Protein backbone atom coordinates (compact mmCIF):
# COMPACT_ATOMS: atom_id res chain seq x y z
CA MET A 1 103.01 138.46 137.32
CA PRO A 2 103.02 140.06 133.86
CA ALA A 3 106.70 138.20 133.51
CA ALA A 4 105.66 134.80 134.61
CA THR A 5 102.66 135.17 131.91
CA LYS A 6 105.38 135.76 129.75
CA ARG A 7 107.42 133.01 130.81
CA SER A 8 104.47 130.49 130.63
CA ASN A 9 103.65 130.79 126.98
CA PRO A 10 106.57 128.99 125.10
CA ILE A 11 105.93 125.94 127.68
CA ARG A 12 102.17 126.39 126.51
CA ARG A 13 103.15 126.87 122.59
CA ARG A 14 105.43 123.65 123.22
CA LEU A 15 102.69 121.66 124.89
CA LEU A 16 100.07 122.33 122.06
CA HIS A 17 102.82 121.62 119.49
CA PHE A 18 103.40 118.35 121.04
CA TYR A 19 99.31 117.91 121.33
CA ARG A 20 99.29 118.22 117.38
CA VAL A 21 102.21 115.46 116.61
CA GLY A 22 100.83 113.30 119.53
CA ILE A 23 97.41 113.23 117.91
CA PHE A 24 99.34 112.67 114.52
CA VAL A 25 101.28 109.92 115.56
CA PHE A 26 98.19 108.57 117.74
CA LEU A 27 96.27 108.08 114.55
CA LEU A 28 98.82 106.45 112.86
CA LEU A 29 99.29 103.75 115.81
CA MET A 30 95.39 103.55 115.74
CA ILE A 31 95.40 102.56 111.87
CA ARG A 32 98.67 100.08 112.29
CA GLU A 33 96.77 98.37 115.41
CA GLN A 34 93.38 98.14 113.11
CA HIS A 35 94.95 96.89 110.52
CA SER A 36 96.91 94.40 112.74
CA ARG A 37 93.40 93.03 114.33
CA TYR A 38 92.03 92.92 110.68
CA MET A 39 94.35 90.51 109.43
CA LEU A 40 94.43 88.56 112.13
CA GLU A 41 90.55 88.02 111.70
CA ARG A 42 91.24 87.23 107.99
CA GLN A 43 93.74 84.75 108.42
CA GLY A 44 92.17 82.86 111.25
CA SER A 45 94.23 83.86 113.88
CA ILE A 46 91.44 84.83 115.56
CA ARG A 47 89.03 81.96 115.17
CA GLN A 48 85.24 83.30 113.68
CA PRO A 49 82.59 80.42 114.52
CA LEU A 50 80.40 79.97 111.82
CA ALA A 51 76.71 80.19 112.37
CA LYS A 52 73.46 78.58 111.47
CA GLU A 53 72.81 80.31 108.82
CA ASP A 54 76.24 79.57 107.02
CA VAL A 55 75.14 75.83 106.51
CA LEU A 56 71.69 75.79 106.21
CA PRO A 57 72.29 75.18 102.29
CA PHE A 58 73.98 71.76 103.09
CA PHE A 59 71.94 70.76 106.61
CA PRO A 60 68.27 72.42 105.92
CA GLU A 61 67.77 70.76 109.36
CA ALA A 62 70.75 72.36 111.39
CA ASP A 63 69.29 73.85 114.32
CA THR A 64 73.01 74.42 116.08
CA LEU A 65 76.50 74.23 116.03
CA SER A 66 78.96 73.13 118.54
CA GLU A 67 82.15 75.45 119.46
CA TRP A 68 85.24 74.64 117.65
CA ASN A 69 86.81 71.11 118.24
CA PRO A 70 90.26 72.14 118.88
CA GLY A 71 91.57 68.86 118.27
CA HIS A 72 90.29 68.55 114.48
CA GLU A 73 89.58 72.40 114.46
CA GLU A 74 86.02 71.43 113.37
CA GLN A 75 82.44 72.41 114.41
CA SER A 76 80.03 69.68 115.02
CA VAL A 77 76.32 70.54 113.02
CA LEU A 78 73.04 69.89 115.24
CA ASP A 79 69.65 69.10 114.60
CA ALA A 80 66.85 70.33 116.54
CA GLU A 81 67.35 67.25 119.19
CA GLY A 82 71.36 67.87 119.28
CA LYS A 83 71.96 64.84 117.23
CA LYS A 84 74.76 65.51 115.38
CA ILE A 85 74.43 65.47 111.79
CA GLY A 86 77.59 66.27 110.10
CA HIS A 87 80.12 68.49 110.94
CA VAL A 88 81.95 71.66 109.24
CA ILE A 89 85.71 73.23 108.57
CA GLN A 90 87.66 76.17 107.76
CA THR A 91 90.14 76.42 105.31
CA SER A 92 92.11 79.31 106.83
CA PRO A 93 94.72 79.17 108.24
CA ALA A 94 95.86 76.34 106.22
CA SER A 95 94.76 78.82 102.69
CA ASP A 96 96.29 82.29 104.29
CA ASN A 97 99.27 82.08 102.20
CA ILE A 98 97.67 80.57 98.84
CA TYR A 99 96.86 83.98 96.99
CA GLY A 100 94.69 84.18 93.72
CA PHE A 101 94.69 87.68 91.99
CA SER A 102 95.17 89.83 94.98
CA GLY A 103 94.35 87.63 98.32
CA PRO A 104 93.59 84.70 99.74
CA THR A 105 90.42 83.02 100.22
CA ASN A 106 88.80 81.32 103.61
CA SER A 107 86.17 78.43 102.27
CA MET A 108 84.17 76.30 104.17
CA ILE A 109 84.08 72.66 103.63
CA ALA A 110 80.70 70.64 104.79
CA PHE A 111 81.06 67.16 105.53
CA ASP A 112 77.74 64.58 106.32
CA ALA A 113 77.32 62.06 109.04
CA LYS A 114 79.34 59.35 107.09
CA ARG A 115 82.40 62.32 106.69
CA GLN A 116 81.86 62.37 102.96
CA ILE A 117 81.67 65.87 101.50
CA LEU A 118 78.40 67.96 100.69
CA GLY A 119 79.63 71.20 99.38
CA ILE A 120 81.49 73.67 99.23
CA LYS A 121 81.36 77.29 100.20
CA ILE A 122 82.99 80.84 100.31
CA LEU A 123 83.16 82.41 103.29
CA GLN A 124 85.86 85.26 103.16
CA SER A 125 88.05 86.51 100.75
CA ASP A 126 90.49 89.29 99.29
CA ASP A 127 90.31 88.36 95.93
CA THR A 128 88.79 90.64 92.98
CA LYS A 129 85.11 90.97 93.09
CA GLU A 130 84.63 90.32 89.71
CA HIS A 131 86.50 86.98 89.63
CA LEU A 132 85.44 85.89 93.00
CA ASN A 133 81.85 85.72 91.36
CA GLU A 134 82.91 83.74 88.56
CA VAL A 135 83.83 81.13 90.90
CA LYS A 136 80.54 81.30 93.12
CA HIS A 137 78.46 81.24 90.31
CA ASP A 138 80.35 77.79 89.05
CA LYS A 139 78.40 74.88 90.43
CA ALA A 140 80.98 72.31 88.50
CA PHE A 141 83.92 74.01 90.08
CA LEU A 142 82.07 73.80 93.87
CA GLU A 143 80.44 70.64 93.51
CA GLN A 144 83.44 68.65 92.14
CA TRP A 145 84.59 67.91 95.60
CA ASN A 146 80.92 66.09 96.72
CA ARG A 147 80.23 62.93 98.07
CA LEU A 148 84.26 62.40 98.20
CA THR A 149 85.84 61.28 101.44
CA LYS A 150 88.59 63.74 103.13
CA ASP A 151 91.32 61.61 101.80
CA ASP A 152 90.02 60.73 98.40
CA ALA A 153 89.74 64.71 98.09
CA ALA A 154 93.19 65.84 99.40
CA ILE A 155 94.49 63.69 96.09
CA LEU A 156 91.93 64.69 93.71
CA ASP A 157 94.37 66.09 90.59
CA ASP A 158 92.15 66.44 87.66
CA ILE A 159 90.63 69.95 89.06
CA HIS A 160 88.14 72.08 86.97
CA THR A 161 89.19 75.31 86.93
CA VAL A 162 87.14 78.34 86.32
CA SER A 163 87.42 80.01 83.01
CA GLY A 164 87.91 83.67 83.07
CA ALA A 165 89.13 83.07 86.94
CA THR A 166 91.73 80.74 86.28
CA LEU A 167 94.37 81.84 89.52
CA SER A 168 91.32 82.74 91.83
CA SER A 169 89.64 79.01 91.32
CA VAL A 170 93.23 77.54 91.26
CA ALA A 171 93.88 79.36 94.64
CA ILE A 172 90.67 78.12 96.40
CA SER A 173 91.01 74.59 94.95
CA ASP A 174 94.42 74.83 96.37
CA GLY A 175 93.13 75.77 99.74
CA ILE A 176 90.75 73.38 99.65
CA THR A 177 93.60 70.71 98.85
CA LYS A 178 95.97 71.75 101.45
CA ARG A 179 93.20 72.04 104.14
CA LEU A 180 92.06 68.07 103.70
CA GLY A 181 95.94 67.23 104.16
CA GLY A 182 97.15 67.12 100.56
CA THR A 183 99.92 69.00 98.79
CA GLY A 184 98.01 72.11 97.36
CA SER A 185 100.03 72.13 94.36
CA THR A 186 97.62 72.97 91.51
CA SER A 187 99.69 74.16 88.36
CA ARG A 188 99.10 78.41 87.66
CA PHE A 189 100.67 77.27 84.22
CA PRO A 190 99.33 73.79 83.14
CA ARG A 191 100.66 74.59 79.43
CA GLU A 192 103.69 72.81 78.41
CA ILE A 193 106.52 74.03 76.48
CA GLU A 194 106.45 73.89 72.76
CA ILE A 195 108.85 74.05 70.29
CA ALA A 196 107.43 76.52 68.61
CA GLU A 197 108.31 78.99 71.72
CA VAL A 198 112.40 77.88 71.37
CA THR A 199 112.59 78.41 67.40
CA PRO A 200 113.17 82.06 67.98
CA PHE A 201 115.75 81.68 69.93
CA LEU A 202 117.36 78.52 68.60
CA GLU A 203 116.29 78.18 64.69
CA GLN A 204 117.83 74.86 64.66
CA ALA A 205 115.47 73.71 67.33
CA ALA A 206 113.20 70.46 66.24
CA SER A 207 112.32 68.62 69.42
CA LEU A 208 112.76 68.53 73.24
CA ARG A 209 113.40 65.80 75.67
CA PRO A 210 113.92 65.81 79.33
CA VAL A 211 117.44 65.69 80.81
CA GLU A 212 118.05 63.11 83.36
CA LYS A 213 118.25 63.68 87.05
CA ARG A 214 117.37 67.48 86.26
CA PRO A 215 113.16 67.27 85.70
CA PHE A 216 112.78 71.12 85.07
CA LEU A 217 114.95 71.38 82.36
CA LEU A 218 114.43 70.17 78.77
CA GLN A 219 117.16 69.49 76.29
CA VAL A 220 116.64 71.11 72.71
CA LEU A 221 117.80 69.06 69.75
CA ASP A 222 117.92 69.60 66.15
CA ALA A 223 116.74 67.33 63.12
CA GLU A 224 119.43 64.78 63.91
CA ASN A 225 119.16 64.90 67.24
CA ARG A 226 122.05 66.91 68.32
CA PRO A 227 121.88 69.16 71.75
CA VAL A 228 121.72 72.42 70.32
CA GLY A 229 120.75 73.97 74.17
CA TYR A 230 118.05 73.56 76.94
CA VAL A 231 114.43 75.61 77.52
CA SER A 232 112.87 75.82 81.07
CA ARG A 233 110.54 77.67 82.74
CA THR A 234 110.33 79.71 86.05
CA SER A 235 106.64 77.64 86.45
CA PRO A 236 105.80 76.32 89.10
CA HIS A 237 108.86 77.63 91.09
CA ALA A 238 107.49 80.99 90.93
CA ASP A 239 104.19 80.80 91.30
CA HIS A 240 103.66 81.84 94.86
CA MET A 241 105.06 85.53 93.46
CA MET A 242 103.00 87.73 93.14
CA GLY A 243 103.05 90.80 90.87
CA TYR A 244 100.33 93.72 90.50
CA GLN A 245 97.38 91.13 90.66
CA GLY A 246 99.13 87.62 89.93
CA PRO A 247 102.12 85.12 89.13
CA THR A 248 104.12 85.17 85.67
CA ASP A 249 105.42 82.25 83.69
CA LEU A 250 108.94 82.78 82.32
CA LEU A 251 110.41 81.14 79.30
CA ILE A 252 114.16 80.22 79.82
CA VAL A 253 116.34 79.64 76.81
CA LEU A 254 119.82 78.46 77.53
CA ASP A 255 122.55 77.55 74.91
CA PRO A 256 124.62 74.05 75.00
CA ASP A 257 126.82 75.63 78.16
CA GLU A 258 124.10 76.81 80.11
CA LEU A 259 124.39 80.40 79.70
CA ILE A 260 121.01 82.27 79.14
CA ILE A 261 120.45 83.53 75.36
CA GLY A 262 116.83 84.50 75.94
CA LEU A 263 113.73 84.88 78.01
CA ALA A 264 109.85 85.43 77.10
CA LEU A 265 106.70 86.03 79.18
CA ARG A 266 104.71 82.50 78.24
CA ASP A 267 101.55 83.33 80.60
CA THR A 268 100.69 85.67 83.12
CA PHE A 269 97.93 87.02 86.03
CA ASP A 270 99.35 89.78 86.36
CA ASN A 271 97.77 93.52 85.24
CA GLU A 272 97.79 93.54 81.55
CA PRO A 273 99.43 97.15 81.09
CA TYR A 274 102.12 96.27 82.92
CA VAL A 275 103.00 93.59 81.59
CA LYS A 276 102.44 94.87 78.26
CA LEU A 277 105.41 97.78 79.53
CA VAL A 278 107.77 94.89 80.64
CA THR A 279 107.58 93.09 77.44
CA GLY A 280 108.06 95.68 75.30
CA ASP A 281 111.13 96.76 77.10
CA GLU A 282 113.79 94.85 75.13
CA TYR A 283 116.48 96.07 77.41
CA PHE A 284 115.23 94.40 80.80
CA PHE A 285 115.35 91.18 79.15
CA ASN A 286 118.41 91.31 77.58
CA THR A 287 119.99 92.31 80.83
CA PHE A 288 120.23 88.85 81.80
CA LYS A 289 121.64 87.55 78.72
CA GLY A 290 125.08 85.59 79.53
CA PHE A 291 124.29 84.23 82.84
CA SER A 292 124.40 80.73 83.97
CA LEU A 293 121.95 79.13 85.80
CA GLN A 294 124.57 78.76 88.94
CA GLN A 295 125.19 82.36 88.49
CA LEU A 296 121.59 83.73 88.84
CA PRO A 297 120.97 82.17 92.68
CA GLU A 298 123.88 84.57 93.30
CA LEU A 299 122.91 87.39 91.83
CA ASP A 300 122.41 90.88 94.08
CA ILE A 301 119.81 93.19 92.23
CA VAL A 302 121.10 96.36 93.39
CA GLU A 303 125.11 95.62 93.25
CA SER A 304 124.85 93.98 89.77
CA GLY A 305 122.71 97.00 88.40
CA LEU A 306 119.86 95.26 87.26
CA ASP A 307 117.24 97.93 86.81
CA VAL A 308 113.48 97.90 87.07
CA VAL A 309 110.48 98.95 84.17
CA SER A 310 109.81 102.53 85.05
CA GLY A 311 105.93 102.52 85.65
CA ALA A 312 105.97 98.37 86.09
CA THR A 313 108.33 98.07 88.81
CA LYS A 314 106.22 95.33 90.99
CA THR A 315 105.94 92.70 87.85
CA SER A 316 109.21 93.71 86.61
CA VAL A 317 110.94 93.03 90.18
CA THR A 318 108.49 90.07 90.54
CA VAL A 319 109.45 88.27 87.14
CA THR A 320 113.15 89.03 87.91
CA GLU A 321 112.92 87.60 91.66
CA GLY A 322 111.10 84.62 90.18
CA LEU A 323 113.74 84.03 87.47
CA ILE A 324 116.33 83.82 90.01
CA HIS A 325 114.15 81.30 92.74
CA SER A 326 113.54 79.41 89.76
CA ALA A 327 117.27 78.92 88.54
CA LEU A 328 117.78 77.00 92.18
CA GLU A 329 115.33 74.24 90.80
CA ILE A 330 116.45 73.99 87.44
CA SER A 331 120.12 73.69 88.18
CA LYS A 332 119.39 71.85 91.55
CA ILE A 333 122.25 74.32 93.68
CA ARG A 334 121.43 74.60 97.11
CA GLU A 335 123.58 77.18 98.15
CA PRO A 336 122.13 79.88 99.93
CA ARG A 337 121.98 83.11 98.33
CA PRO A 338 124.57 85.63 99.70
CA PRO A 339 123.32 87.98 102.42
CA GLN A 340 121.12 90.95 101.19
CA PRO A 341 122.25 94.29 102.62
CA LEU A 342 120.22 95.96 105.16
CA ILE A 343 119.28 98.89 102.43
CA SER A 344 119.05 98.07 98.52
CA PHE A 345 120.15 101.42 97.42
CA ARG A 346 119.79 102.09 93.89
CA ALA A 347 121.02 104.74 91.62
CA ARG A 348 116.98 106.08 91.78
CA ASP A 349 117.27 106.37 95.33
CA ILE A 350 120.21 108.40 95.59
CA GLY A 351 118.84 111.06 93.48
CA THR A 352 115.55 111.41 95.16
CA ALA A 353 117.87 111.29 98.27
CA LEU A 354 119.83 114.49 96.42
CA VAL A 355 116.84 116.36 95.03
CA VAL A 356 115.34 116.04 98.85
CA ILE A 357 118.43 117.92 100.02
CA ALA A 358 118.80 120.51 97.72
CA GLY A 359 115.06 121.43 98.48
CA LEU A 360 115.95 121.38 101.95
CA VAL A 361 118.58 123.51 101.27
CA ILE A 362 116.83 126.09 98.83
CA ALA A 363 113.79 126.51 101.06
CA LEU A 364 115.40 127.10 104.33
CA THR A 365 118.13 129.39 103.20
CA PRO A 366 118.33 132.85 101.19
CA LEU A 367 118.56 130.92 97.93
CA LYS A 368 115.08 130.66 98.19
CA GLY A 369 114.74 134.03 96.46
CA ASN A 370 116.76 133.05 93.56
CA ARG A 371 114.14 132.80 90.65
CA LYS A 372 116.05 131.32 87.77
CA LEU A 373 117.30 128.44 90.68
CA ARG A 374 113.81 127.46 91.94
CA LEU A 375 112.47 127.53 88.08
CA ALA A 376 115.52 125.15 87.23
CA PHE A 377 114.65 123.10 90.27
CA GLN A 378 110.65 123.22 89.93
CA ALA A 379 111.75 121.49 86.37
CA VAL A 380 113.76 118.65 88.22
CA LEU A 381 110.98 118.55 90.56
CA ILE A 382 108.55 117.97 87.22
CA ILE A 383 110.63 115.77 85.04
CA TYR A 384 112.86 113.72 87.55
CA LEU A 385 111.12 113.20 90.93
CA GLY A 386 107.71 113.21 89.00
CA PHE A 387 107.98 111.15 85.60
CA ILE A 388 111.15 109.61 85.88
CA ASN A 389 111.04 108.56 89.93
CA ALA A 390 107.72 109.39 90.65
CA ASP A 391 108.28 109.66 94.56
CA MET A 392 105.98 111.42 96.05
CA LEU A 393 104.61 111.71 99.25
CA SER A 394 100.40 110.87 99.43
CA GLN A 395 97.81 109.29 101.87
CA ALA A 396 97.88 105.92 100.06
CA LEU A 397 101.87 105.96 100.76
CA LEU A 398 101.48 107.01 104.36
CA LEU A 399 98.88 104.43 105.39
CA GLY A 400 99.84 102.12 103.53
CA TRP A 401 103.01 102.49 105.39
CA ALA A 402 100.98 102.65 108.69
CA LYS A 403 99.30 99.69 107.93
CA SER A 404 102.21 97.33 106.90
CA GLY A 405 105.01 98.61 108.19
CA ILE A 406 107.54 101.54 106.40
CA ALA A 407 109.64 100.08 103.22
CA TRP A 408 112.86 101.45 104.01
CA LYS A 409 114.72 98.37 102.78
CA VAL A 410 113.66 98.23 99.27
CA ALA A 411 112.71 102.21 99.07
CA PRO A 412 115.15 104.56 100.94
CA GLY A 413 114.97 107.37 98.84
CA LEU A 414 111.21 107.53 99.16
CA VAL A 415 111.21 106.84 102.84
CA PHE A 416 113.65 109.51 103.09
CA LEU A 417 111.39 112.18 101.43
CA SER A 418 108.56 111.28 103.60
CA VAL A 419 110.69 111.74 106.74
CA ALA A 420 112.01 114.69 105.59
CA ALA A 421 108.37 116.27 104.48
CA VAL A 422 106.83 115.09 107.69
CA LEU A 423 109.58 116.35 110.05
CA ALA A 424 109.89 119.97 108.15
CA PRO A 425 106.95 121.67 109.33
CA ILE A 426 107.44 120.08 112.66
CA ILE A 427 110.77 121.27 113.38
CA THR A 428 111.37 124.26 111.28
CA GLY A 429 107.62 125.29 110.41
CA LYS A 430 107.89 125.93 106.70
CA GLN A 431 105.82 123.41 104.64
CA VAL A 432 109.06 122.39 102.58
CA TYR A 433 107.31 119.46 100.87
CA CYS A 434 104.36 121.50 99.56
CA THR A 435 106.47 124.47 98.39
CA HIS A 436 109.76 122.91 97.42
CA LEU A 437 109.61 119.17 97.19
CA CYS A 438 105.82 118.28 95.22
CA PRO A 439 106.23 117.90 91.59
CA PHE A 440 102.68 118.71 91.54
CA GLY A 441 102.58 121.72 93.20
CA ALA A 442 105.83 123.06 91.23
CA ALA A 443 103.96 122.30 88.24
CA GLN A 444 100.59 124.34 89.92
CA ASP A 445 103.31 126.94 90.55
CA TRP A 446 104.13 127.04 86.67
CA LEU A 447 100.75 126.87 84.77
CA GLY A 448 99.88 129.55 87.47
CA LYS A 449 102.13 132.28 85.51
CA LYS A 450 100.65 131.70 82.36
CA VAL A 451 97.65 134.04 83.14
CA PRO A 452 98.08 137.33 85.22
CA TRP A 453 94.60 137.89 85.91
CA LYS A 454 93.35 135.71 88.87
CA ILE A 455 89.91 134.43 90.14
CA PRO A 456 89.28 135.80 93.51
CA VAL A 457 88.48 133.65 96.02
CA LYS A 458 87.33 135.29 99.55
CA GLY A 459 84.79 134.89 102.40
CA GLY A 460 82.61 131.90 102.76
CA ILE A 461 83.74 130.07 99.43
CA GLU A 462 87.09 130.61 100.65
CA LYS A 463 86.42 129.22 103.98
CA ALA A 464 84.38 126.37 102.75
CA LEU A 465 86.71 125.63 100.16
CA SER A 466 89.64 125.29 102.74
CA PHE A 467 87.54 122.80 104.54
CA LEU A 468 87.51 120.54 101.67
CA PRO A 469 90.89 119.13 102.46
CA VAL A 470 90.23 118.58 105.78
CA LEU A 471 87.49 116.30 105.21
CA LEU A 472 89.68 114.30 102.58
CA LEU A 473 91.68 113.42 105.25
CA LEU A 474 89.00 112.52 107.61
CA TRP A 475 87.75 110.50 104.70
CA CYS A 476 91.06 109.11 103.76
CA LEU A 477 91.04 107.93 107.80
CA ILE A 478 87.84 106.50 107.89
CA ILE A 479 89.10 104.56 104.91
CA ALA A 480 91.93 103.05 105.92
CA MET A 481 90.32 102.01 109.74
CA GLY A 482 87.43 100.58 107.95
CA HIS A 483 89.17 99.17 105.37
CA LEU A 484 86.73 100.43 102.82
CA PRO A 485 87.05 98.78 99.16
CA VAL A 486 87.55 102.56 98.15
CA SER A 487 91.27 103.14 96.05
CA LEU A 488 92.92 106.09 98.55
CA VAL A 489 95.29 106.39 95.00
CA ALA A 490 92.19 107.68 93.37
CA LEU A 491 91.78 110.91 95.61
CA GLU A 492 94.62 112.48 94.64
CA PRO A 493 96.86 113.72 91.68
CA PHE A 494 99.87 112.35 92.03
CA ASP A 495 99.84 108.78 90.08
CA ALA A 496 99.00 110.94 87.09
CA PHE A 497 102.85 111.41 86.31
CA VAL A 498 102.73 107.47 85.92
CA PHE A 499 100.11 108.34 83.07
CA ARG A 500 100.37 104.87 81.46
CA VAL A 501 98.65 103.14 84.46
CA ALA A 502 96.93 105.84 86.23
CA GLY A 503 93.26 105.58 86.78
CA TRP A 504 90.93 108.20 85.28
CA ALA A 505 89.68 109.12 88.91
CA THR A 506 93.57 109.99 89.66
CA LEU A 507 93.90 111.58 85.42
CA THR A 508 90.65 113.78 86.16
CA ILE A 509 91.51 115.41 89.68
CA ALA A 510 94.95 116.04 88.26
CA VAL A 511 93.72 117.54 84.77
CA ALA A 512 91.44 119.77 86.83
CA GLY A 513 93.83 120.59 89.13
CA LEU A 514 96.17 121.67 87.06
CA ILE A 515 93.66 123.70 84.90
CA SER A 516 92.37 125.66 87.79
CA SER A 517 95.93 126.46 88.67
CA VAL A 518 95.77 128.48 85.82
CA PHE A 519 93.15 130.98 87.36
CA ILE A 520 93.53 130.64 91.09
CA ASN A 521 97.20 130.09 92.69
CA ARG A 522 98.20 126.40 93.76
CA SER A 523 94.23 125.70 93.81
CA TYR A 524 94.79 122.17 94.52
CA CYS A 525 97.23 122.18 97.22
CA ARG A 526 95.02 124.90 98.82
CA TYR A 527 91.41 123.30 98.37
CA GLY A 528 91.96 120.02 97.31
CA CYS A 529 95.01 118.21 98.90
CA PRO A 530 94.74 116.23 101.90
CA THR A 531 98.17 115.37 102.36
CA GLY A 532 98.64 119.32 102.66
CA ALA A 533 96.15 119.88 104.85
CA MET A 534 98.19 116.85 106.93
CA LEU A 535 101.30 118.83 106.94
CA LYS A 536 99.93 122.00 107.81
CA PHE A 537 98.52 120.76 110.84
CA LEU A 538 101.72 119.80 112.01
CA ARG A 539 103.30 122.74 110.83
CA TYR A 540 105.02 124.60 113.99
CA GLN A 541 103.86 128.79 114.49
CA GLY A 542 105.88 129.94 116.79
CA SER A 543 104.16 132.62 119.01
CA ALA A 544 101.41 132.51 116.92
CA GLU A 545 100.96 129.09 118.06
CA LYS A 546 97.02 128.86 119.53
CA PHE A 547 94.76 126.23 120.72
CA GLY A 548 91.82 126.86 118.00
CA THR A 549 89.23 125.07 115.19
CA ARG A 550 92.11 122.94 113.69
CA ASP A 551 92.70 121.32 117.28
CA LEU A 552 88.92 120.95 117.56
CA VAL A 553 89.04 119.01 114.39
CA ALA A 554 92.07 116.89 115.48
CA ALA A 555 90.29 115.79 118.35
CA GLY A 556 87.60 114.70 116.43
CA PHE A 557 89.82 112.77 113.94
CA ALA A 558 91.02 110.66 116.97
CA LEU A 559 87.23 110.29 118.32
CA VAL A 560 86.42 108.96 114.87
CA ALA A 561 89.65 106.53 115.39
CA ILE A 562 88.36 105.14 118.60
CA THR A 563 84.90 104.74 118.07
CA MET A 564 85.62 102.55 114.81
CA MET A 565 88.50 100.59 116.70
CA ILE A 566 85.90 100.02 119.63
CA LEU A 567 83.00 99.24 117.01
CA GLN A 568 84.71 96.86 114.57
């Protein structure tokens, strides 16, 4: 019997470890499934019938609404006697791909019995709350379609936009126009190119004239009407390309041979700090000089060595892609772009991968005992992986990938880091990421050596503080499953390495964590990091594996996820 019991222990330990990994995978799948349902509802793929309360502002005598009419995608509005007094339609799903600052908007259009528009009501929006409120309170915008028929409203071209919420109001009006059968092509950037914008690049420029058969290109003439170059812009071709908060209009100045001699940002709806980083980086715009419009559509961003602006990656990438896409329309070249590589490896991805490999080697070999090597490698983590690449595992990253898919094509280095971070504790039993790959952990280690005496944390206080990361991890799960308007980035300090764009919450957590680490070793890692708590749960402990409190807590996490899935 004792021998049989001894033989059964490894099996029980493996089953328990499988249970923990299974809980982790189950939660990720639940988050993804819940997000898929949420997006289907938001995008109109799951039709949400309107209620009586939604139409009362336009139909005070309304009593009931019919089911959806499949042929016209509308609901009839009926009075107390069952008589049809009008009908309503929604712009979704026709408007689902039309984004304002941060997402699409679903609007209701109410028609009276004569099929004339009574009014517009915004039902749901993923756009920025502040801008959306401006639109909702602008009567002139919402009432400009009133008393028009569907056909007249579809071709309304003099659209009133909302000052201070231009992008949001344009997107909403585009959605309405498109739903009514129009083209939905209201310009995001109505300001036409002026000669003053061109003279910094072509001093002799005096006037502009259209180029025959090339409607998106203007010829630049000097004072004697001699051609000295060309000018164009990325709008409207790139208006659908969103940076962090919206599209950007880029000026393109060409010499007489149609080679780029200058670029300038004209107007943008993107986040101001990121835009400043792009406009302040002269090298970024200079990299495109000398390219022709015909060469740009064939340009491979990775192979050509074009880099992004540190701290404003999405904005700079969107500007680049907008420029490449616009060149097709401007030059009227219809040849398809060459096939893109399955995975785009950049120098930063290779660098991150090499750092991860080095960290694994140091952590899993006797090299971990080499103090000088450890200090030198920690400097690499802080400077290169932290401040330069900003590649770190976080709840915002992990849950974002769980919802929308892993960005393995565009960020293979970061994916490699994340996979190594998650698999290392599962396979080796060691939290390699926390001890040898996390820049913030390395910074805490460095500061912890500055003061010889430490503040002891013991007893009930230590137990209470140790449970805080678990509570934060649960909060992250609730935010992800419930789609709460809370930034996961603000719950962890890692974005502080990109301090120029980090929020105050992130910076506060980072500063507090570093200061406390001077007096309490790795204080944030031990008492504040939800990502560390997640990796600790996954760690294989060998003979020490026993079903305990953390396993009951994990079951509680699963129960919370199931409950939220059922209730929503």
